[in-house]
Amino acid sequence: MRKVLNILGYFNDEDIAWMTQVGTKQKILPEQYLIKKRERLTSIYLVLDGMFSVELKSGLSIAKVKSGEVLGEMSFVEEDLPSVDVKADKPSSVICIDHEFMLERFDQVPGFKARFYNAMCLCLSSRLRAVTRQLSNKQEDDLESNDLNVLDSNIDNATLRRVQIAGERFNRLLSHFS
């Protein structure tokens, strides 16, 4: 959940209102694929609830994705096909925002483009950091306690304010798409 708070913190209220206007809610059943490897995506997804597995071709699950995460952003940013499958583990729902709507918004509101890419940089950096930790064979318990210590000791007032506002924005998205 912390990730969505950081991501939405980069957007403004008008961006969130736009997302509620153009976004559509999609329900995903257990074992249903949201994203298929090498199949073109037409949307970016914000996970509202549920859980997804990110799977390799072999079916090996390499990551779990929960509420507040973004999916499909890599294919959008890179203009490339997905390299993994993403399958629902349990009943889930996502907000779908069509690529065409995103591109139109970039043209109409240049500041949105900057805010979007700032948010995606944070998202992808966070994901890369998590994979790096996973590969370094650290214990999950150590990671969680270390992450909390870093958050508690290094957070500044601007970040706290952005996270608070982002929490309110995520709640508005959840309410709108409920």
Protein backbone atom coordinates (compact mmCIF):
# COMPACT_ATOMS: atom_id res chain seq x y z
CA MET A 1 0.00 0.00 0.00
CA ARG A 2 2.93 2.32 0.70
CA LYS A 3 3.84 2.21 -3.00
CA VAL A 4 0.49 3.60 -4.20
CA LEU A 5 0.74 6.39 -1.65
CA ASN A 6 4.09 7.41 -3.06
CA ILE A 7 2.90 7.11 -6.66
CA LEU A 8 -0.37 9.02 -6.21
CA GLY A 9 1.50 11.66 -4.26
CA TYR A 10 3.04 12.87 -7.52
CA PHE A 11 -0.34 13.52 -9.12
CA ASN A 12 -2.65 16.45 -8.38
CA ASP A 13 -6.40 16.44 -7.69
CA GLU A 14 -7.20 17.17 -11.35
CA ASP A 15 -5.18 14.11 -12.41
CA ILE A 16 -7.14 11.91 -9.99
CA ALA A 17 -10.45 13.36 -11.20
CA TRP A 18 -9.37 12.61 -14.79
CA MET A 19 -8.51 9.01 -13.80
CA THR A 20 -12.00 8.54 -12.36
CA GLN A 21 -13.50 9.88 -15.61
CA VAL A 22 -11.53 7.77 -18.08
CA GLY A 23 -10.72 4.74 -15.94
CA THR A 24 -12.89 1.66 -15.92
CA LYS A 25 -13.14 -0.99 -13.25
CA GLN A 26 -12.42 -4.55 -14.30
CA LYS A 27 -13.02 -7.60 -12.10
CA ILE A 28 -10.59 -10.46 -12.48
CA LEU A 29 -11.46 -13.97 -11.33
CA PRO A 30 -8.98 -16.37 -9.70
CA GLU A 31 -6.69 -18.02 -12.26
CA GLN A 32 -7.69 -15.42 -14.89
CA TYR A 33 -4.85 -13.63 -16.66
CA LEU A 34 -4.74 -9.84 -16.61
CA ILE A 35 -1.54 -9.73 -18.64
CA LYS A 36 -0.21 -12.38 -21.01
CA LYS A 37 3.41 -12.59 -22.06
CA ARG A 38 4.01 -11.24 -25.59
CA GLU A 39 0.41 -10.01 -26.00
CA ARG A 40 -0.02 -6.30 -26.66
CA LEU A 41 -1.44 -4.28 -23.78
CA THR A 42 -3.81 -1.39 -24.31
CA SER A 43 -4.11 -0.27 -20.69
CA ILE A 44 -2.23 0.49 -17.52
CA TYR A 45 -3.74 -1.07 -14.40
CA LEU A 46 -3.97 0.12 -10.80
CA VAL A 47 -4.81 -2.78 -8.49
CA LEU A 48 -7.75 -1.88 -6.24
CA ASP A 49 -8.01 -5.15 -4.34
CA GLY A 50 -7.06 -8.80 -4.51
CA MET A 51 -3.72 -10.33 -5.40
CA PHE A 52 -1.88 -11.27 -8.57
CA SER A 53 1.08 -13.53 -9.31
CA VAL A 54 3.74 -12.48 -11.78
CA GLU A 55 4.78 -15.67 -13.54
CA LEU A 56 7.52 -16.81 -15.88
CA LYS A 57 6.75 -18.95 -18.94
CA SER A 58 7.38 -22.04 -16.81
CA GLY A 59 4.58 -20.98 -14.43
CA LEU A 60 7.04 -20.13 -11.66
CA SER A 61 5.69 -17.22 -9.61
CA ILE A 62 8.38 -14.58 -9.16
CA ALA A 63 6.35 -11.87 -7.44
CA LYS A 64 3.03 -11.09 -5.77
CA VAL A 65 1.16 -7.88 -6.56
CA LYS A 66 -1.40 -6.45 -4.13
CA SER A 67 -3.70 -3.46 -3.71
CA GLY A 68 -2.13 -0.18 -4.71
CA GLU A 69 0.37 -1.60 -7.19
CA VAL A 70 0.61 -0.58 -10.84
CA LEU A 71 0.71 -3.17 -13.63
CA GLY A 72 1.41 -2.79 -17.34
CA GLU A 73 3.48 0.35 -16.88
CA MET A 74 6.67 -1.22 -18.24
CA SER A 75 5.05 -2.09 -21.55
CA PHE A 76 3.61 1.43 -21.77
CA VAL A 77 6.90 3.16 -20.96
CA GLU A 78 9.00 0.91 -23.22
CA GLU A 79 6.35 0.53 -25.96
CA ASP A 80 7.07 -3.20 -25.88
CA LEU A 81 5.23 -6.44 -25.23
CA PRO A 82 5.02 -7.86 -21.69
CA SER A 83 7.76 -10.31 -20.73
CA VAL A 84 5.72 -12.14 -18.05
CA ASP A 85 2.19 -13.36 -17.30
CA VAL A 86 0.14 -11.76 -14.53
CA LYS A 87 -2.62 -13.96 -13.09
CA ALA A 88 -5.15 -13.34 -10.31
CA ASP A 89 -4.66 -15.48 -7.20
CA LYS A 90 -8.07 -14.54 -5.82
CA PRO A 91 -10.99 -12.32 -6.85
CA SER A 92 -9.42 -9.00 -7.73
CA SER A 93 -10.29 -5.68 -9.30
CA VAL A 94 -8.26 -3.10 -11.18
CA ILE A 95 -8.71 0.35 -12.65
CA CYS A 96 -7.90 0.23 -16.38
CA ILE A 97 -6.64 3.39 -18.03
CA ASP A 98 -6.36 3.08 -21.79
CA HIS A 99 -3.02 3.96 -23.40
CA GLU A 100 -4.77 6.25 -25.88
CA PHE A 101 -6.30 8.27 -23.04
CA MET A 102 -2.86 8.54 -21.44
CA LEU A 103 -1.26 9.80 -24.65
CA GLU A 104 -4.06 12.33 -25.22
CA ARG A 105 -3.65 13.59 -21.65
CA PHE A 106 0.12 13.95 -22.21
CA ASP A 107 -0.58 16.21 -25.20
CA GLN A 108 -3.32 18.21 -23.47
CA VAL A 109 -1.67 18.57 -20.05
CA PRO A 110 2.16 18.52 -20.31
CA GLY A 111 2.50 18.67 -16.52
CA PHE A 112 0.63 15.37 -16.27
CA LYS A 113 3.25 13.71 -18.44
CA ALA A 114 6.01 14.89 -16.09
CA ARG A 115 4.06 13.79 -13.01
CA PHE A 116 3.29 10.40 -14.57
CA TYR A 117 6.92 9.67 -15.46
CA ASN A 118 8.12 10.83 -12.03
CA ALA A 119 5.65 8.42 -10.44
CA MET A 120 6.70 5.58 -12.77
CA CYS A 121 10.38 6.21 -12.03
CA LEU A 122 9.60 5.78 -8.35
CA CYS A 123 7.53 2.66 -9.03
CA LEU A 124 10.16 1.00 -11.21
CA SER A 125 13.00 2.00 -8.91
CA SER A 126 11.15 0.49 -5.97
CA ARG A 127 10.56 -2.71 -7.92
CA LEU A 128 14.22 -2.94 -8.96
CA ARG A 129 15.29 -2.37 -5.37
CA ALA A 130 13.00 -5.21 -4.21
CA VAL A 131 14.40 -7.59 -6.84
CA THR A 132 17.95 -6.64 -5.87
CA ARG A 133 17.18 -7.40 -2.23
CA GLN A 134 15.58 -10.69 -3.18
CA LEU A 135 18.64 -11.69 -5.19
CA SER A 136 20.95 -10.80 -2.32
CA ASN A 137 19.31 -13.62 -0.30
CA LYS A 138 18.33 -11.47 2.68
CA GLN A 139 15.69 -12.82 5.05
CA GLU A 140 12.19 -11.38 4.54
CA ASP A 141 11.86 -10.55 8.23
CA ASP A 142 15.11 -8.58 8.16
CA LEU A 143 13.92 -6.68 5.09
CA GLU A 144 10.60 -5.68 6.65
CA SER A 145 12.17 -4.45 9.88
CA ASN A 146 14.99 -2.66 8.02
CA ASP A 147 12.52 -1.00 5.65
CA LEU A 148 10.47 0.28 8.58
CA ASN A 149 13.56 1.63 10.31
CA VAL A 150 14.69 3.45 7.18
CA LEU A 151 11.20 4.88 6.67
CA ASP A 152 10.93 6.05 10.26
CA SER A 153 14.38 7.62 10.38
CA ASN A 154 14.58 9.25 6.95
CA ILE A 155 11.12 10.55 6.11
CA ASP A 156 10.81 14.31 5.70
CA ASN A 157 7.80 16.59 6.09
CA ALA A 158 7.28 17.05 2.34
CA THR A 159 7.12 13.28 1.84
CA LEU A 160 4.75 12.89 4.78
CA ARG A 161 2.47 15.54 3.30
CA ARG A 162 2.59 13.91 -0.15
CA VAL A 163 1.82 10.48 1.35
CA GLN A 164 -1.13 11.86 3.33
CA ILE A 165 -2.59 13.55 0.25
CA ALA A 166 -1.98 10.40 -1.80
CA GLY A 167 -3.84 8.32 0.77
CA GLU A 168 -6.85 10.60 0.43
CA ARG A 169 -6.63 10.33 -3.37
CA PHE A 170 -6.44 6.53 -3.29
CA ASN A 171 -9.49 6.47 -1.02
CA ARG A 172 -11.34 8.62 -3.59
CA LEU A 173 -10.39 6.19 -6.34
CA LEU A 174 -11.56 3.24 -4.24
CA SER A 175 -14.85 4.99 -3.44
CA HIS A 176 -15.46 5.95 -7.06
CA PHE A 177 -14.84 2.45 -8.38
CA SER A 178 -16.63 0.59 -5.57
